[in-house]
Amino acid sequence: MNFLGHLYFSYDNHALMTANIFGDFVRGKDLSDYPEIIQKGITLHREIDNYIDTNENVLILMRSLYAELPKVAGIAVDLYFDHLLAKNWDKYHRTDLKSYLNSFYQTLDNLDEHYPLEFLIMLGRMRSGNWLWHYRTLEGLTKACKGVSNRIAFKNVLHTAPIFFEKYENQITEVFHSFMEDAQKRFKKED
């Protein structure tokens, strides 16, 4: 899962949502310099990544895409799943996607000083470009794939991933819904 999936599995807790996304920007195991909520978000981010990376159905899907998307099949699946989550949002959340994202974006003005400038700039771009709202369209998926492709350090074909989404849409969609069913049990909202 990419940004939207990480937000979704953050229990509608805005501070945890931001910290969960921040997990992509943190390396290493020592998180002691961060406040507890940020530590919790980073840990949750890593648990979600591990869960998708070890899910049997997702692994089969990634292997089937590898020939056409070498080295980036896993990244493509993350983006495909965010696209499908946005497209099927009403099936998975009681709040409509636009309201959900607006509520999250409103919290970005008062972020903890522990977040680095690079991360804050990315969040600003996410909000101003309304990336997560656009995930629901094929055009939004295409832009996301091109953007991520450009940020990868090695030469890659991630920008072609939307072609293979259309080619394998039924299989990808089936695996997505199966994954969501499993992941909702695994990442059940804490009481």
Protein backbone atom coordinates (compact mmCIF):
# COMPACT_ATOMS: atom_id res chain seq x y z
CA MET A 1 0.00 0.00 0.00
CA ASN A 2 1.11 3.49 -0.64
CA PHE A 3 0.06 6.72 1.13
CA LEU A 4 -3.71 6.18 1.09
CA GLY A 5 -3.45 2.64 2.41
CA HIS A 6 -1.22 3.79 5.24
CA LEU A 7 -3.71 6.51 6.16
CA TYR A 8 -6.58 4.05 6.03
CA PHE A 9 -4.94 1.65 8.49
CA SER A 10 -4.21 4.46 10.98
CA TYR A 11 -7.57 4.15 12.77
CA ASP A 12 -8.76 7.68 11.77
CA ASN A 13 -6.20 9.09 14.22
CA HIS A 14 -4.77 12.16 12.46
CA ALA A 15 -1.51 12.26 14.41
CA LEU A 16 -0.98 8.56 13.74
CA MET A 17 -1.88 9.03 10.06
CA THR A 18 0.88 11.60 9.58
CA ALA A 19 3.38 9.53 11.57
CA ASN A 20 2.48 6.43 9.56
CA ILE A 21 3.23 8.20 6.26
CA PHE A 22 6.45 9.51 7.81
CA GLY A 23 7.56 5.88 8.16
CA ASP A 24 8.70 6.00 4.52
CA PHE A 25 11.23 8.67 5.45
CA VAL A 26 12.83 6.95 8.44
CA ARG A 27 15.70 4.48 8.36
CA GLY A 28 17.09 2.41 11.19
CA LYS A 29 15.65 0.79 14.28
CA ASP A 30 16.37 3.43 16.91
CA LEU A 31 13.28 5.61 17.09
CA SER A 32 13.97 7.00 20.57
CA ASP A 33 14.47 10.57 19.30
CA TYR A 34 10.81 10.73 18.28
CA PRO A 35 7.73 11.24 20.47
CA GLU A 36 5.65 8.15 21.21
CA ILE A 37 2.96 8.83 18.56
CA ILE A 38 5.58 9.19 15.83
CA GLN A 39 7.28 5.98 17.00
CA LYS A 40 3.91 4.25 16.88
CA GLY A 41 3.25 5.53 13.35
CA ILE A 42 6.64 4.44 12.05
CA THR A 43 6.18 1.01 13.60
CA LEU A 44 2.68 0.70 12.13
CA HIS A 45 4.02 1.74 8.71
CA ARG A 46 6.62 -1.01 8.86
CA GLU A 47 4.06 -3.59 10.00
CA ILE A 48 1.77 -2.72 7.08
CA ASP A 49 4.67 -2.89 4.61
CA ASN A 50 5.75 -6.25 6.01
CA TYR A 51 2.20 -7.57 5.93
CA ILE A 52 1.70 -6.74 2.26
CA ASP A 53 5.21 -7.95 1.35
CA THR A 54 4.56 -11.35 2.92
CA ASN A 55 0.93 -11.87 1.91
CA GLU A 56 0.75 -15.05 -0.17
CA ASN A 57 -1.73 -13.72 -2.75
CA VAL A 58 0.18 -10.46 -3.11
CA LEU A 59 3.46 -12.37 -3.60
CA ILE A 60 1.86 -14.45 -6.38
CA LEU A 61 0.60 -11.25 -8.02
CA MET A 62 4.03 -9.60 -7.79
CA ARG A 63 5.70 -12.63 -9.34
CA SER A 64 3.20 -12.60 -12.22
CA LEU A 65 3.98 -8.91 -12.88
CA TYR A 66 7.76 -9.16 -12.48
CA ALA A 67 8.56 -10.03 -16.10
CA GLU A 68 6.85 -6.85 -17.30
CA LEU A 69 7.77 -4.70 -14.30
CA PRO A 70 11.21 -5.95 -13.22
CA LYS A 71 12.47 -4.62 -9.88
CA VAL A 72 9.33 -2.48 -9.43
CA ALA A 73 6.47 -4.99 -9.39
CA GLY A 74 6.08 -4.52 -5.63
CA ILE A 75 5.96 -0.74 -5.95
CA ALA A 76 3.43 -1.07 -8.77
CA VAL A 77 1.23 -3.27 -6.57
CA ASP A 78 1.38 -0.66 -3.78
CA LEU A 79 0.19 2.00 -6.23
CA TYR A 80 -2.44 -0.30 -7.75
CA PHE A 81 -3.82 -0.99 -4.28
CA ASP A 82 -4.03 2.72 -3.44
CA HIS A 83 -5.83 3.27 -6.76
CA LEU A 84 -8.30 0.50 -5.96
CA LEU A 85 -8.76 1.68 -2.38
CA ALA A 86 -9.59 5.19 -3.60
CA LYS A 87 -11.89 3.80 -6.29
CA ASN A 88 -13.69 1.52 -3.81
CA TRP A 89 -13.40 3.80 -0.78
CA ASP A 90 -17.11 3.71 0.09
CA LYS A 91 -16.89 -0.05 0.50
CA TYR A 92 -14.17 0.30 3.13
CA HIS A 93 -14.87 3.52 5.03
CA ARG A 94 -17.97 5.23 6.41
CA THR A 95 -16.71 8.75 5.52
CA ASP A 96 -16.57 9.70 1.85
CA LEU A 97 -13.04 10.02 0.48
CA LYS A 98 -13.14 13.76 -0.19
CA SER A 99 -14.26 14.56 3.39
CA TYR A 100 -11.76 12.08 4.83
CA LEU A 101 -8.86 13.66 2.95
CA ASN A 102 -9.96 17.23 3.73
CA SER A 103 -10.11 16.35 7.41
CA PHE A 104 -6.59 14.90 7.24
CA TYR A 105 -5.20 17.84 5.25
CA GLN A 106 -6.54 20.34 7.80
CA THR A 107 -4.29 18.76 10.45
CA LEU A 108 -1.13 19.36 8.43
CA ASP A 109 -0.87 23.03 9.41
CA ASN A 110 0.12 22.25 12.99
CA LEU A 111 2.62 19.42 12.72
CA ASP A 112 5.14 18.39 15.35
CA GLU A 113 8.57 19.98 15.02
CA HIS A 114 10.08 16.49 14.85
CA TYR A 115 9.19 16.18 11.18
CA PRO A 116 11.97 17.16 8.75
CA LEU A 117 11.52 19.82 6.09
CA GLU A 118 11.72 17.29 3.22
CA PHE A 119 8.72 15.43 4.64
CA LEU A 120 6.74 18.63 5.23
CA ILE A 121 7.39 19.76 1.65
CA MET A 122 6.15 16.39 0.35
CA LEU A 123 2.97 16.68 2.46
CA GLY A 124 2.42 20.19 1.11
CA ARG A 125 2.70 18.90 -2.45
CA MET A 126 0.40 15.99 -1.63
CA ARG A 127 -2.23 18.42 -0.36
CA SER A 128 -1.87 21.10 -3.05
CA GLY A 129 -1.87 18.52 -5.85
CA ASN A 130 -4.61 16.50 -4.13
CA TRP A 131 -2.66 13.34 -5.01
CA LEU A 132 -4.73 10.97 -2.92
CA TRP A 133 -8.05 12.15 -4.37
CA HIS A 134 -6.70 11.63 -7.89
CA TYR A 135 -5.61 8.05 -7.08
CA ARG A 136 -9.16 6.93 -7.91
CA THR A 137 -8.73 7.62 -11.63
CA LEU A 138 -6.48 5.91 -14.15
CA GLU A 139 -4.96 9.31 -14.90
CA GLY A 140 -4.15 9.72 -11.20
CA LEU A 141 -2.57 6.26 -11.11
CA THR A 142 -0.53 7.17 -14.19
CA LYS A 143 0.74 10.40 -12.58
CA ALA A 144 1.60 8.54 -9.36
CA CYS A 145 3.54 5.89 -11.27
CA LYS A 146 5.47 8.50 -13.25
CA GLY A 147 6.23 10.52 -10.12
CA VAL A 148 7.49 7.55 -8.14
CA SER A 149 9.41 6.25 -11.16
CA ASN A 150 11.29 9.56 -11.36
CA ARG A 151 12.26 9.35 -7.68
CA ILE A 152 13.68 5.83 -7.90
CA ALA A 153 17.48 5.87 -7.99
CA PHE A 154 17.80 3.21 -10.71
CA LYS A 155 16.49 3.03 -14.26
CA ASN A 156 13.02 1.47 -14.16
CA VAL A 157 9.78 0.92 -16.06
CA LEU A 158 7.34 1.88 -13.30
CA HIS A 159 5.90 4.60 -15.56
CA THR A 160 4.45 1.75 -17.70
CA ALA A 161 2.63 0.16 -14.73
CA PRO A 162 -0.82 1.59 -15.68
CA ILE A 163 -0.68 -0.41 -18.94
CA PHE A 164 -0.32 -3.61 -16.95
CA PHE A 165 -2.99 -2.54 -14.49
CA GLU A 166 -5.45 -2.41 -17.37
CA LYS A 167 -4.17 -5.71 -18.76
CA TYR A 168 -4.48 -7.56 -15.42
CA GLU A 169 -7.17 -5.46 -13.75
CA ASN A 170 -9.42 -8.38 -12.81
CA GLN A 171 -6.61 -10.35 -11.17
CA ILE A 172 -5.22 -7.27 -9.38
CA THR A 173 -8.68 -6.28 -8.15
CA GLU A 174 -9.38 -9.77 -6.84
CA VAL A 175 -6.09 -9.86 -4.93
CA PHE A 176 -6.72 -6.35 -3.59
CA HIS A 177 -10.11 -7.23 -2.11
CA SER A 178 -8.72 -10.45 -0.65
CA PHE A 179 -5.80 -8.53 0.87
CA MET A 180 -8.12 -5.88 2.33
CA GLU A 181 -10.27 -8.54 3.94
CA ASP A 182 -7.20 -10.07 5.61
CA ALA A 183 -5.57 -6.74 6.48
CA GLN A 184 -8.72 -5.35 8.10
CA LYS A 185 -8.62 -8.25 10.53
CA ARG A 186 -4.89 -7.83 11.13
CA PHE A 187 -5.01 -4.06 11.58
CA LYS A 188 -8.30 -3.89 13.41
CA LYS A 189 -8.95 -0.54 15.07
CA GLU A 190 -7.69 -0.45 18.63
CA ASP A 191 -10.23 0.31 21.33
